[in-house]
Structure formats: C-alpha cells, structure tokens
Amino acid sequence: MKKNIKKIALLPLMVITGWAYASMNGNGIDRNMTANQGTNGEKPLVSNAQQTPDLKFKDENGKTISLQSLKGKVVFINLWATWCPPCIHEMPSINELRKTFKDNNDLVFLMVDVDGKIEKSKEWMKNKKFDLPVHVPDSEIPRELFTGSIPTTIIVDKQNNIICRQVGGADYMSPEVVDLMNKLLNE
C-alpha cells in the first residue's frame, strides 16, 4: 500500500517536471526550420552534405535494421523511454504523423527505447493504443547525434543525410513538420 501511495505522490511531480522541461526547451519545431537548420534554432550538427553514420537498431522480433539498408526512404528516429514525461507528451503527435503517412512506404518510423527494454516499450505502446514500431539500439549512437537527452528526434532524408535533429519534446503534427515530411518524400 505504501508503495502505491509513493507512486501516486510522485505522479504530479513527474507531470510538472515534464511540462517545465517541454516549456523550457520549446514545445514544437521551430517555425523557421529549413532543411539546413536544426529544429530548435541550433545549427545542425551534421550538414546535408554528410552521410549519417550506419546506425543499427533491433526490432521487436530481434531483427537488426541498419540505417544504410533504409537508404531511399525517409527515416524518422525517435529516441525515448517509457518513464520520460516529455517523451510521453509528444507520442500522440508522432502516432498521428505516422497515421497521416501510413500509405507511404517511403517513410520509416524507428521508435528507439534508449533503456533497451523492448518488451516493456511494446506493452506501453499497446496500452496507449499507439501504432508505432518499437526498436532498441543495436550499435552505439554517436554523441553528435545523441547526447543522452530524451526525447531526441532525428529525421533522415532518402540519401541518408540528417535533415534535422530535435532535442526535447515537439508537436510532430505541426504544419511545418507535415510540410517537411511531404517535401522529403517527394524529392
């Protein structure tokens, strides 16, 4: 009983912390975002001229997927965890973005649980009724792409170039993101 009381008492603190974090870090993609600009106003860490490192991820069936094998597709990578309030806050918009482009086989979503607990993440997605495929890292993610802050989202174009990197929660159903995805898919 005492454990449940502690969990309930911590819930408002977690919600407030997540809200504060999202507010401090911006709650959406920068409205002036271009293909050459970071999504939170920072300069991109990797320019469009550079290829993305060949990251590898493992899906819920244990199959390894390499970023290099997805060349020719637009890839939406979201690094997250089930306990992260800003991650939870942005998840509905990511799910809606996937639904918006569900008929486009040139867009791949990689929801990467940084804790490596794929069964827990899979169950979490199921309980929330999200149709998002869960993955875990199967190779080291370079520090230039992931400093440990979650959520971190990376969008890669069809040539395996990093187009944008968002650190912190965002609204992925904003017109700017939908327009960017359409642009990348039609290139």
N, C-alpha and C. Protein backbone atom coordinates (compact mmCIF):
# COMPACT_ATOMS: atom_id res chain seq x y z
N MET A 1 0.82 -1.19 0.00
CA MET A 1 0.00 0.00 0.00
C MET A 1 0.87 1.27 0.00
N LYS A 2 1.94 1.27 0.83
CA LYS A 2 2.80 2.43 0.90
C LYS A 2 3.49 2.70 -0.43
N LYS A 3 3.85 1.64 -1.15
CA LYS A 3 4.50 1.82 -2.45
C LYS A 3 3.56 2.53 -3.42
N ASN A 4 2.28 2.16 -3.42
CA ASN A 4 1.31 2.80 -4.31
C ASN A 4 1.12 4.27 -3.96
N ILE A 5 1.13 4.59 -2.67
CA ILE A 5 0.98 5.98 -2.24
C ILE A 5 2.18 6.79 -2.73
N LYS A 6 3.39 6.23 -2.64
CA LYS A 6 4.58 6.93 -3.10
C LYS A 6 4.49 7.19 -4.60
N LYS A 7 4.03 6.18 -5.36
CA LYS A 7 3.91 6.34 -6.82
C LYS A 7 2.91 7.43 -7.14
N ILE A 8 1.78 7.44 -6.46
CA ILE A 8 0.74 8.44 -6.70
C ILE A 8 1.26 9.83 -6.32
N ALA A 9 2.02 9.93 -5.23
CA ALA A 9 2.56 11.22 -4.80
C ALA A 9 3.59 11.75 -5.79
N LEU A 10 4.32 10.86 -6.45
CA LEU A 10 5.34 11.29 -7.40
C LEU A 10 4.75 11.69 -8.75
N LEU A 11 3.57 11.21 -9.08
CA LEU A 11 2.97 11.48 -10.38
C LEU A 11 2.85 12.98 -10.68
N PRO A 12 2.28 13.80 -9.78
CA PRO A 12 2.21 15.24 -10.09
C PRO A 12 3.58 15.87 -10.29
N LEU A 13 4.56 15.44 -9.52
CA LEU A 13 5.92 15.96 -9.67
C LEU A 13 6.47 15.61 -11.04
N MET A 14 6.24 14.38 -11.50
CA MET A 14 6.72 13.97 -12.82
C MET A 14 6.03 14.79 -13.92
N VAL A 15 4.74 15.01 -13.78
CA VAL A 15 3.99 15.78 -14.78
C VAL A 15 4.49 17.22 -14.83
N ILE A 16 4.66 17.83 -13.67
CA ILE A 16 5.14 19.22 -13.61
C ILE A 16 6.55 19.31 -14.18
N THR A 17 7.41 18.36 -13.83
CA THR A 17 8.78 18.36 -14.34
C THR A 17 8.78 18.24 -15.86
N GLY A 18 7.98 17.33 -16.39
CA GLY A 18 7.90 17.16 -17.85
C GLY A 18 7.38 18.40 -18.53
N TRP A 19 6.34 19.01 -17.96
CA TRP A 19 5.78 20.23 -18.54
C TRP A 19 6.82 21.35 -18.53
N ALA A 20 7.52 21.49 -17.40
CA ALA A 20 8.53 22.54 -17.29
C ALA A 20 9.66 22.31 -18.29
N TYR A 21 10.07 21.06 -18.43
CA TYR A 21 11.14 20.72 -19.38
C TYR A 21 10.71 21.07 -20.80
N ALA A 22 9.49 20.67 -21.15
CA ALA A 22 8.99 20.95 -22.51
C ALA A 22 8.87 22.45 -22.74
N SER A 23 8.44 23.19 -21.72
CA SER A 23 8.31 24.65 -21.86
C SER A 23 9.65 25.32 -22.05
N MET A 24 10.64 24.87 -21.30
CA MET A 24 11.97 25.48 -21.39
C MET A 24 12.64 25.17 -22.73
N ASN A 25 12.37 23.99 -23.26
CA ASN A 25 13.05 23.56 -24.48
C ASN A 25 12.22 23.81 -25.73
N GLY A 26 11.15 24.50 -25.61
CA GLY A 26 10.29 24.75 -26.77
C GLY A 26 9.37 23.57 -26.93
N ASN A 27 8.15 23.81 -27.30
CA ASN A 27 7.21 22.71 -27.40
C ASN A 27 6.87 22.39 -28.84
N GLY A 28 7.71 22.78 -29.73
CA GLY A 28 7.44 22.45 -31.12
C GLY A 28 8.64 22.69 -31.99
N ILE A 29 8.51 22.30 -33.21
CA ILE A 29 9.56 22.50 -34.20
C ILE A 29 9.60 23.99 -34.51
N ASP A 30 10.78 24.53 -34.64
CA ASP A 30 10.97 25.94 -34.96
C ASP A 30 10.21 26.28 -36.25
N ARG A 31 9.38 27.28 -36.21
CA ARG A 31 8.58 27.65 -37.39
C ARG A 31 9.43 28.06 -38.58
N ASN A 32 10.65 28.50 -38.35
CA ASN A 32 11.53 28.92 -39.43
C ASN A 32 12.46 27.80 -39.88
N MET A 33 12.13 26.58 -39.52
CA MET A 33 13.01 25.46 -39.83
C MET A 33 13.13 25.27 -41.34
N THR A 34 14.35 25.05 -41.76
CA THR A 34 14.60 24.71 -43.15
C THR A 34 15.41 23.42 -43.15
N ALA A 35 15.67 22.89 -44.30
CA ALA A 35 16.44 21.66 -44.39
C ALA A 35 17.87 21.85 -43.92
N ASN A 36 18.35 23.08 -43.81
CA ASN A 36 19.73 23.33 -43.40
C ASN A 36 19.83 23.84 -41.97
N GLN A 37 18.75 23.81 -41.21
CA GLN A 37 18.74 24.39 -39.88
C GLN A 37 18.27 23.36 -38.87
N GLY A 38 18.85 23.36 -37.68
CA GLY A 38 18.38 22.50 -36.61
C GLY A 38 16.97 22.90 -36.22
N THR A 39 16.25 21.99 -35.61
CA THR A 39 14.85 22.23 -35.32
C THR A 39 14.62 23.10 -34.10
N ASN A 40 15.61 23.26 -33.24
CA ASN A 40 15.39 24.10 -32.08
C ASN A 40 16.26 25.35 -32.15
N GLY A 41 16.54 25.81 -33.38
CA GLY A 41 17.26 27.04 -33.60
C GLY A 41 18.77 26.87 -33.65
N GLU A 42 19.26 25.70 -33.26
CA GLU A 42 20.70 25.48 -33.30
C GLU A 42 21.13 25.13 -34.71
N LYS A 43 22.41 25.31 -34.98
CA LYS A 43 22.93 24.91 -36.28
C LYS A 43 22.99 23.39 -36.30
N PRO A 44 22.72 22.78 -37.44
CA PRO A 44 22.73 21.32 -37.47
C PRO A 44 24.12 20.80 -37.13
N LEU A 45 24.15 19.67 -36.43
CA LEU A 45 25.43 19.07 -36.08
C LEU A 45 26.06 18.37 -37.27
N VAL A 46 25.23 17.93 -38.18
CA VAL A 46 25.72 17.28 -39.39
C VAL A 46 25.07 18.00 -40.55
N SER A 47 25.86 18.45 -41.51
CA SER A 47 25.27 19.19 -42.63
C SER A 47 24.65 18.22 -43.62
N ASN A 48 23.87 18.75 -44.54
CA ASN A 48 23.22 17.90 -45.54
C ASN A 48 24.21 17.15 -46.41
N ALA A 49 25.43 17.64 -46.50
CA ALA A 49 26.43 17.00 -47.36
C ALA A 49 27.00 15.73 -46.75
N GLN A 50 26.79 15.53 -45.45
CA GLN A 50 27.38 14.38 -44.79
C GLN A 50 26.37 13.26 -44.63
N GLN A 51 26.86 12.05 -44.82
CA GLN A 51 26.03 10.88 -44.62
C GLN A 51 25.87 10.61 -43.13
N THR A 52 24.75 10.05 -42.78
CA THR A 52 24.50 9.64 -41.41
C THR A 52 25.33 8.38 -41.13
N PRO A 53 25.88 8.25 -39.93
CA PRO A 53 26.59 7.01 -39.62
C PRO A 53 25.63 5.83 -39.77
N ASP A 54 26.17 4.65 -40.05
CA ASP A 54 25.30 3.49 -40.24
C ASP A 54 24.84 2.95 -38.89
N LEU A 55 23.83 3.58 -38.35
CA LEU A 55 23.26 3.16 -37.08
C LEU A 55 22.51 1.85 -37.27
N LYS A 56 22.49 1.04 -36.22
CA LYS A 56 21.77 -0.23 -36.28
C LYS A 56 20.81 -0.30 -35.11
N PHE A 57 19.61 -0.82 -35.42
CA PHE A 57 18.57 -0.96 -34.42
C PHE A 57 17.99 -2.36 -34.52
N LYS A 58 17.49 -2.85 -33.40
CA LYS A 58 16.87 -4.17 -33.37
C LYS A 58 15.38 -3.98 -33.17
N ASP A 59 14.57 -4.68 -34.00
CA ASP A 59 13.12 -4.56 -33.87
C ASP A 59 12.60 -5.54 -32.82
N GLU A 60 11.29 -5.54 -32.62
CA GLU A 60 10.69 -6.36 -31.57
C GLU A 60 10.79 -7.86 -31.86
N ASN A 61 11.15 -8.24 -33.08
CA ASN A 61 11.33 -9.65 -33.42
C ASN A 61 12.80 -10.06 -33.37
N GLY A 62 13.68 -9.12 -32.97
CA GLY A 62 15.10 -9.42 -32.88
C GLY A 62 15.87 -9.20 -34.17
N LYS A 63 15.19 -8.71 -35.21
CA LYS A 63 15.83 -8.46 -36.49
C LYS A 63 16.58 -7.12 -36.45
N THR A 64 17.83 -7.12 -36.93
CA THR A 64 18.62 -5.89 -36.97
C THR A 64 18.32 -5.12 -38.25
N ILE A 65 18.09 -3.82 -38.09
CA ILE A 65 17.83 -2.92 -39.21
C ILE A 65 18.93 -1.87 -39.19
N SER A 66 19.62 -1.73 -40.31
CA SER A 66 20.66 -0.69 -40.37
C SER A 66 20.12 0.51 -41.12
N LEU A 67 20.58 1.67 -40.74
CA LEU A 67 20.15 2.90 -41.41
C LEU A 67 20.56 2.87 -42.88
N GLN A 68 21.73 2.29 -43.15
CA GLN A 68 22.21 2.18 -44.53
C GLN A 68 21.23 1.37 -45.39
N SER A 69 20.62 0.33 -44.80
CA SER A 69 19.68 -0.50 -45.55
C SER A 69 18.39 0.25 -45.88
N LEU A 70 18.16 1.37 -45.20
CA LEU A 70 16.95 2.16 -45.43
C LEU A 70 17.17 3.32 -46.41
N LYS A 71 18.37 3.37 -47.02
CA LYS A 71 18.65 4.42 -48.00
C LYS A 71 17.58 4.36 -49.08
N GLY A 72 17.08 5.52 -49.48
CA GLY A 72 15.97 5.58 -50.44
C GLY A 72 14.64 5.83 -49.74
N LYS A 73 14.67 5.82 -48.40
CA LYS A 73 13.48 6.10 -47.60
C LYS A 73 13.78 7.26 -46.66
N VAL A 74 12.73 7.97 -46.26
CA VAL A 74 12.84 8.99 -45.23
C VAL A 74 12.70 8.25 -43.90
N VAL A 75 13.57 8.55 -42.95
CA VAL A 75 13.56 7.82 -41.67
C VAL A 75 13.35 8.82 -40.53
N PHE A 76 12.36 8.52 -39.70
CA PHE A 76 12.02 9.30 -38.51
C PHE A 76 12.47 8.47 -37.32
N ILE A 77 13.53 8.93 -36.63
CA ILE A 77 14.07 8.20 -35.48
C ILE A 77 13.74 9.00 -34.23
N ASN A 78 13.07 8.35 -33.28
CA ASN A 78 12.75 9.00 -32.01
C ASN A 78 13.37 8.18 -30.89
N LEU A 79 14.28 8.82 -30.14
CA LEU A 79 14.94 8.19 -29.00
C LEU A 79 14.17 8.59 -27.75
N TRP A 80 13.65 7.60 -27.02
CA TRP A 80 12.70 7.88 -25.96
C TRP A 80 12.79 6.81 -24.87
N ALA A 81 11.98 6.97 -23.81
CA ALA A 81 11.85 5.98 -22.75
C ALA A 81 10.44 6.08 -22.17
N THR A 82 9.95 4.98 -21.64
CA THR A 82 8.57 4.94 -21.11
C THR A 82 8.38 5.82 -19.88
N TRP A 83 9.45 6.14 -19.16
CA TRP A 83 9.36 6.91 -17.92
C TRP A 83 9.57 8.41 -18.14
N CYS A 84 9.78 8.84 -19.37
CA CYS A 84 10.15 10.23 -19.69
C CYS A 84 8.90 11.06 -20.01
N PRO A 85 8.53 12.04 -19.13
CA PRO A 85 7.32 12.86 -19.37
C PRO A 85 7.30 13.57 -20.73
N PRO A 86 8.39 14.25 -21.17
CA PRO A 86 8.32 14.89 -22.48
C PRO A 86 8.16 13.88 -23.63
N CYS A 87 8.72 12.69 -23.46
CA CYS A 87 8.57 11.64 -24.48
C CYS A 87 7.09 11.23 -24.58
N ILE A 88 6.48 11.03 -23.43
CA ILE A 88 5.08 10.63 -23.36
C ILE A 88 4.19 11.73 -23.94
N HIS A 89 4.54 12.97 -23.65
CA HIS A 89 3.74 14.11 -24.12
C HIS A 89 3.74 14.21 -25.65
N GLU A 90 4.86 13.93 -26.30
CA GLU A 90 4.92 14.09 -27.75
C GLU A 90 4.46 12.84 -28.52
N MET A 91 4.31 11.72 -27.84
CA MET A 91 3.99 10.46 -28.51
C MET A 91 2.68 10.50 -29.32
N PRO A 92 1.59 11.12 -28.81
CA PRO A 92 0.37 11.18 -29.63
C PRO A 92 0.60 11.88 -30.98
N SER A 93 1.40 12.94 -31.00
CA SER A 93 1.63 13.64 -32.28
C SER A 93 2.48 12.80 -33.22
N ILE A 94 3.39 12.01 -32.69
CA ILE A 94 4.18 11.10 -33.54
C ILE A 94 3.27 10.02 -34.11
N ASN A 95 2.38 9.50 -33.28
CA ASN A 95 1.44 8.49 -33.75
C ASN A 95 0.54 9.04 -34.85
N GLU A 96 0.08 10.29 -34.68
CA GLU A 96 -0.76 10.92 -35.70
C GLU A 96 0.03 11.18 -36.99
N LEU A 97 1.29 11.56 -36.86
CA LEU A 97 2.14 11.76 -38.04
C LEU A 97 2.26 10.45 -38.81
N ARG A 98 2.48 9.37 -38.10
CA ARG A 98 2.58 8.06 -38.77
C ARG A 98 1.26 7.71 -39.48
N LYS A 99 0.14 7.97 -38.81
CA LYS A 99 -1.16 7.71 -39.43
C LYS A 99 -1.34 8.55 -40.70
N THR A 100 -0.91 9.81 -40.65
CA THR A 100 -1.03 10.71 -41.80
C THR A 100 -0.31 10.15 -43.02
N PHE A 101 0.82 9.49 -42.80
CA PHE A 101 1.63 8.98 -43.91
C PHE A 101 1.60 7.44 -43.99
N LYS A 102 0.56 6.82 -43.42
CA LYS A 102 0.51 5.35 -43.32
C LYS A 102 0.57 4.64 -44.66
N ASP A 103 0.12 5.27 -45.71
CA ASP A 103 0.13 4.63 -47.03
C ASP A 103 1.41 4.87 -47.81
N ASN A 104 2.35 5.59 -47.22
CA ASN A 104 3.60 5.89 -47.91
C ASN A 104 4.71 4.95 -47.41
N ASN A 105 5.10 4.01 -48.25
CA ASN A 105 6.13 3.03 -47.88
C ASN A 105 7.54 3.63 -47.88
N ASP A 106 7.67 4.90 -48.29
CA ASP A 106 8.98 5.55 -48.29
C ASP A 106 9.29 6.26 -46.98
N LEU A 107 8.43 6.10 -45.98
CA LEU A 107 8.66 6.71 -44.67
C LEU A 107 8.71 5.60 -43.62
N VAL A 108 9.81 5.57 -42.86
CA VAL A 108 10.01 4.54 -41.83
C VAL A 108 10.13 5.23 -40.48
N PHE A 109 9.39 4.71 -39.50
CA PHE A 109 9.45 5.21 -38.13
C PHE A 109 10.22 4.23 -37.28
N LEU A 110 11.23 4.73 -36.57
CA LEU A 110 12.01 3.92 -35.64
C LEU A 110 11.88 4.55 -34.26
N MET A 111 11.05 3.96 -33.43
CA MET A 111 10.86 4.43 -32.06
C MET A 111 11.84 3.64 -31.20
N VAL A 112 12.93 4.30 -30.79
CA VAL A 112 14.04 3.61 -30.16
C VAL A 112 14.04 3.82 -28.64
N ASP A 113 13.77 2.74 -27.91
CA ASP A 113 13.79 2.77 -26.45
C ASP A 113 15.24 2.76 -25.99
N VAL A 114 15.70 3.89 -25.46
CA VAL A 114 17.11 4.01 -25.07
C VAL A 114 17.45 3.15 -23.86
N ASP A 115 16.44 2.68 -23.12
CA ASP A 115 16.69 1.79 -22.00
C ASP A 115 16.92 0.35 -22.45
N GLY A 116 16.58 0.06 -23.71
CA GLY A 116 16.77 -1.29 -24.24
C GLY A 116 15.75 -2.30 -23.74
N LYS A 117 14.64 -1.83 -23.22
CA LYS A 117 13.60 -2.72 -22.67
C LYS A 117 12.45 -2.83 -23.66
N ILE A 118 12.70 -3.60 -24.71
CA ILE A 118 11.75 -3.65 -25.82
C ILE A 118 10.39 -4.23 -25.43
N GLU A 119 10.37 -5.24 -24.58
CA GLU A 119 9.09 -5.83 -24.17
C GLU A 119 8.25 -4.82 -23.39
N LYS A 120 8.90 -4.08 -22.49
CA LYS A 120 8.20 -3.06 -21.71
C LYS A 120 7.67 -1.96 -22.63
N SER A 121 8.48 -1.54 -23.59
CA SER A 121 8.07 -0.48 -24.53
C SER A 121 6.94 -0.95 -25.42
N LYS A 122 7.04 -2.18 -25.87
CA LYS A 122 6.00 -2.75 -26.73
C LYS A 122 4.66 -2.79 -25.98
N GLU A 123 4.70 -3.21 -24.73
CA GLU A 123 3.50 -3.26 -23.90
C GLU A 123 2.96 -1.85 -23.65
N TRP A 124 3.85 -0.88 -23.43
CA TRP A 124 3.45 0.50 -23.22
C TRP A 124 2.71 1.03 -24.45
N MET A 125 3.28 0.80 -25.64
CA MET A 125 2.63 1.24 -26.89
C MET A 125 1.25 0.61 -27.03
N LYS A 126 1.17 -0.68 -26.74
CA LYS A 126 -0.10 -1.40 -26.84
C LYS A 126 -1.14 -0.81 -25.88
N ASN A 127 -0.74 -0.56 -24.64
CA ASN A 127 -1.66 0.00 -23.64
C ASN A 127 -2.15 1.39 -24.02
N LYS A 128 -1.29 2.18 -24.68
CA LYS A 128 -1.66 3.53 -25.10
C LYS A 128 -2.38 3.54 -26.45
N LYS A 129 -2.47 2.36 -27.08
CA LYS A 129 -3.10 2.21 -28.40
C LYS A 129 -2.39 2.99 -29.49
N PHE A 130 -1.05 3.03 -29.39
CA PHE A 130 -0.23 3.66 -30.42
C PHE A 130 0.23 2.58 -31.40
N ASP A 131 0.22 2.94 -32.66
CA ASP A 131 0.66 2.03 -33.71
C ASP A 131 2.06 2.43 -34.17
N LEU A 132 3.01 2.32 -33.23
CA LEU A 132 4.37 2.73 -33.52
C LEU A 132 5.31 1.56 -33.26
N PRO A 133 6.18 1.24 -34.22
CA PRO A 133 7.08 0.10 -34.06
C PRO A 133 8.23 0.43 -33.09
N VAL A 134 8.45 -0.46 -32.14
CA VAL A 134 9.46 -0.25 -31.12
C VAL A 134 10.77 -0.92 -31.54
N HIS A 135 11.87 -0.22 -31.27
CA HIS A 135 13.21 -0.72 -31.54
C HIS A 135 14.11 -0.42 -30.35
N VAL A 136 15.27 -1.06 -30.33
CA VAL A 136 16.31 -0.73 -29.35
C VAL A 136 17.61 -0.55 -30.12
N PRO A 137 18.55 0.21 -29.57
CA PRO A 137 19.84 0.38 -30.27
C PRO A 137 20.56 -0.97 -30.40
N ASP A 138 21.17 -1.19 -31.55
CA ASP A 138 21.99 -2.39 -31.77
C ASP A 138 23.41 -1.99 -32.15
N SER A 139 23.68 -0.70 -32.01
CA SER A 139 25.03 -0.16 -32.21
C SER A 139 25.10 1.12 -31.40
N GLU A 140 26.30 1.61 -31.20
CA GLU A 140 26.45 2.86 -30.44
C GLU A 140 25.95 4.02 -31.30
N ILE A 141 25.24 4.94 -30.67
CA ILE A 141 24.77 6.13 -31.36
C ILE A 141 25.78 7.23 -31.08
N PRO A 142 26.40 7.80 -32.13
CA PRO A 142 27.43 8.82 -31.92
C PRO A 142 26.93 10.00 -31.10
N ARG A 143 27.80 10.54 -30.29
CA ARG A 143 27.47 11.67 -29.41
C ARG A 143 27.00 12.90 -30.19
N GLU A 144 27.45 13.05 -31.42
CA GLU A 144 26.99 14.19 -32.23
C GLU A 144 25.50 14.12 -32.50
N LEU A 145 24.94 12.91 -32.44
CA LEU A 145 23.52 12.73 -32.70
C LEU A 145 22.70 12.59 -31.43
N PHE A 146 23.29 11.98 -30.40
CA PHE A 146 22.54 11.71 -29.18
C PHE A 146 23.43 11.93 -27.97
N THR A 147 23.12 13.00 -27.23
CA THR A 147 23.92 13.35 -26.06
C THR A 147 23.38 12.72 -24.78
N GLY A 148 22.29 11.97 -24.90
CA GLY A 148 21.67 11.35 -23.73
C GLY A 148 20.38 12.03 -23.32
N SER A 149 20.08 13.20 -23.89
CA SER A 149 18.83 13.90 -23.60
C SER A 149 17.69 13.27 -24.39
N ILE A 150 16.61 12.94 -23.68
CA ILE A 150 15.44 12.40 -24.37
C ILE A 150 14.24 13.27 -24.07
N PRO A 151 13.35 13.36 -25.00
CA PRO A 151 13.41 12.73 -26.32
C PRO A 151 14.38 13.47 -27.25
N THR A 152 14.94 12.72 -28.16
CA THR A 152 15.71 13.27 -29.27
C THR A 152 15.14 12.65 -30.54
N THR A 153 14.84 13.49 -31.51
CA THR A 153 14.30 13.02 -32.78
C THR A 153 15.24 13.44 -33.89
N ILE A 154 15.50 12.50 -34.79
CA ILE A 154 16.39 12.73 -35.93
C ILE A 154 15.61 12.35 -37.18
N ILE A 155 15.59 13.25 -38.17
CA ILE A 155 14.93 12.95 -39.44
C ILE A 155 16.00 12.87 -40.51
N VAL A 156 15.98 11.76 -41.24
CA VAL A 156 16.99 11.46 -42.25
C VAL A 156 16.31 11.41 -43.62
N ASP A 157 16.93 12.04 -44.63
CA ASP A 157 16.33 12.06 -45.96
C ASP A 157 16.66 10.77 -46.72
N LYS A 158 16.19 10.68 -47.96
CA LYS A 158 16.36 9.47 -48.76
C LYS A 158 17.80 9.16 -49.12
N GLN A 159 18.67 10.16 -49.01
CA GLN A 159 20.10 9.96 -49.31
C GLN A 159 20.90 9.67 -48.04
N ASN A 160 20.21 9.43 -46.93
CA ASN A 160 20.82 9.17 -45.62
C ASN A 160 21.52 10.39 -45.03
N ASN A 161 21.03 11.58 -45.36
CA ASN A 161 21.54 12.82 -44.77
C ASN A 161 20.63 13.24 -43.63
N ILE A 162 21.24 13.72 -42.56
CA ILE A 162 20.43 14.23 -41.45
C ILE A 162 19.86 15.58 -41.87
N ILE A 163 18.55 15.68 -41.81
CA ILE A 163 17.86 16.91 -42.18
C ILE A 163 17.60 17.77 -40.95
N CYS A 164 17.21 17.14 -39.85
CA CYS A 164 17.01 17.89 -38.62
C CYS A 164 17.16 16.98 -37.41
N ARG A 165 17.41 17.63 -36.30
CA ARG A 165 17.59 16.95 -35.01
C ARG A 165 16.90 17.80 -33.96
N GLN A 166 15.92 17.24 -33.29
CA GLN A 166 15.16 17.94 -32.26
C GLN A 166 15.48 17.32 -30.91
N VAL A 167 16.01 18.12 -29.99
CA VAL A 167 16.24 17.67 -28.62
C VAL A 167 15.14 18.28 -27.78
N GLY A 168 14.37 17.44 -27.10
CA GLY A 168 13.23 17.90 -26.31
C GLY A 168 11.94 17.60 -27.05
N GLY A 169 10.85 17.71 -26.35
CA GLY A 169 9.54 17.39 -26.92
C GLY A 169 9.12 18.36 -28.01
N ALA A 170 8.29 17.87 -28.91
CA ALA A 170 7.80 18.70 -30.02
C ALA A 170 6.42 18.21 -30.45
N ASP A 171 5.74 19.05 -31.21
CA ASP A 171 4.47 18.69 -31.83
C ASP A 171 4.77 18.27 -33.26
N TYR A 172 4.74 16.98 -33.51
CA TYR A 172 5.09 16.48 -34.84
C TYR A 172 3.93 16.49 -35.83
N MET A 173 2.79 17.03 -35.41
CA MET A 173 1.69 17.25 -36.35
C MET A 173 1.58 18.72 -36.72
N SER A 174 2.58 19.51 -36.39
CA SER A 174 2.55 20.92 -36.77
C SER A 174 2.64 21.00 -38.30
N PRO A 175 2.08 22.05 -38.89
CA PRO A 175 2.14 22.19 -40.36
C PRO A 175 3.58 22.17 -40.88
N GLU A 176 4.52 22.71 -40.11
CA GLU A 176 5.91 22.75 -40.55
C GLU A 176 6.49 21.34 -40.71
N VAL A 177 6.18 20.47 -39.76
CA VAL A 177 6.71 19.10 -39.83
C VAL A 177 6.02 18.33 -40.96
N VAL A 178 4.71 18.45 -41.06
CA VAL A 178 3.99 17.75 -42.13
C VAL A 178 4.49 18.21 -43.50
N ASP A 179 4.69 19.53 -43.66
CA ASP A 179 5.23 20.06 -44.92
C ASP A 179 6.63 19.52 -45.20
N LEU A 180 7.47 19.48 -44.16
CA LEU A 180 8.83 18.96 -44.33
C LEU A 180 8.79 17.50 -44.77
N MET A 181 7.94 16.70 -44.14
CA MET A 181 7.84 15.29 -44.50
C MET A 181 7.38 15.14 -45.94
N ASN A 182 6.37 15.92 -46.34
CA ASN A 182 5.90 15.86 -47.74
C ASN A 182 7.03 16.23 -48.69
N LYS A 183 7.76 17.27 -48.36
CA LYS A 183 8.87 17.71 -49.21
C LYS A 183 9.92 16.60 -49.34
N LEU A 184 10.31 16.01 -48.23
CA LEU A 184 11.33 14.96 -48.25
C LEU A 184 10.85 13.73 -49.02
N LEU A 185 9.59 13.39 -48.86
CA LEU A 185 9.05 12.21 -49.54
C LEU A 185 8.91 12.42 -51.04
N ASN A 186 8.76 13.69 -51.47
CA ASN A 186 8.58 13.97 -52.90
C ASN A 186 9.87 14.32 -53.61
N GLU A 187 10.99 14.30 -52.90
CA GLU A 187 12.28 14.60 -53.54
C GLU A 187 12.80 13.41 -54.30
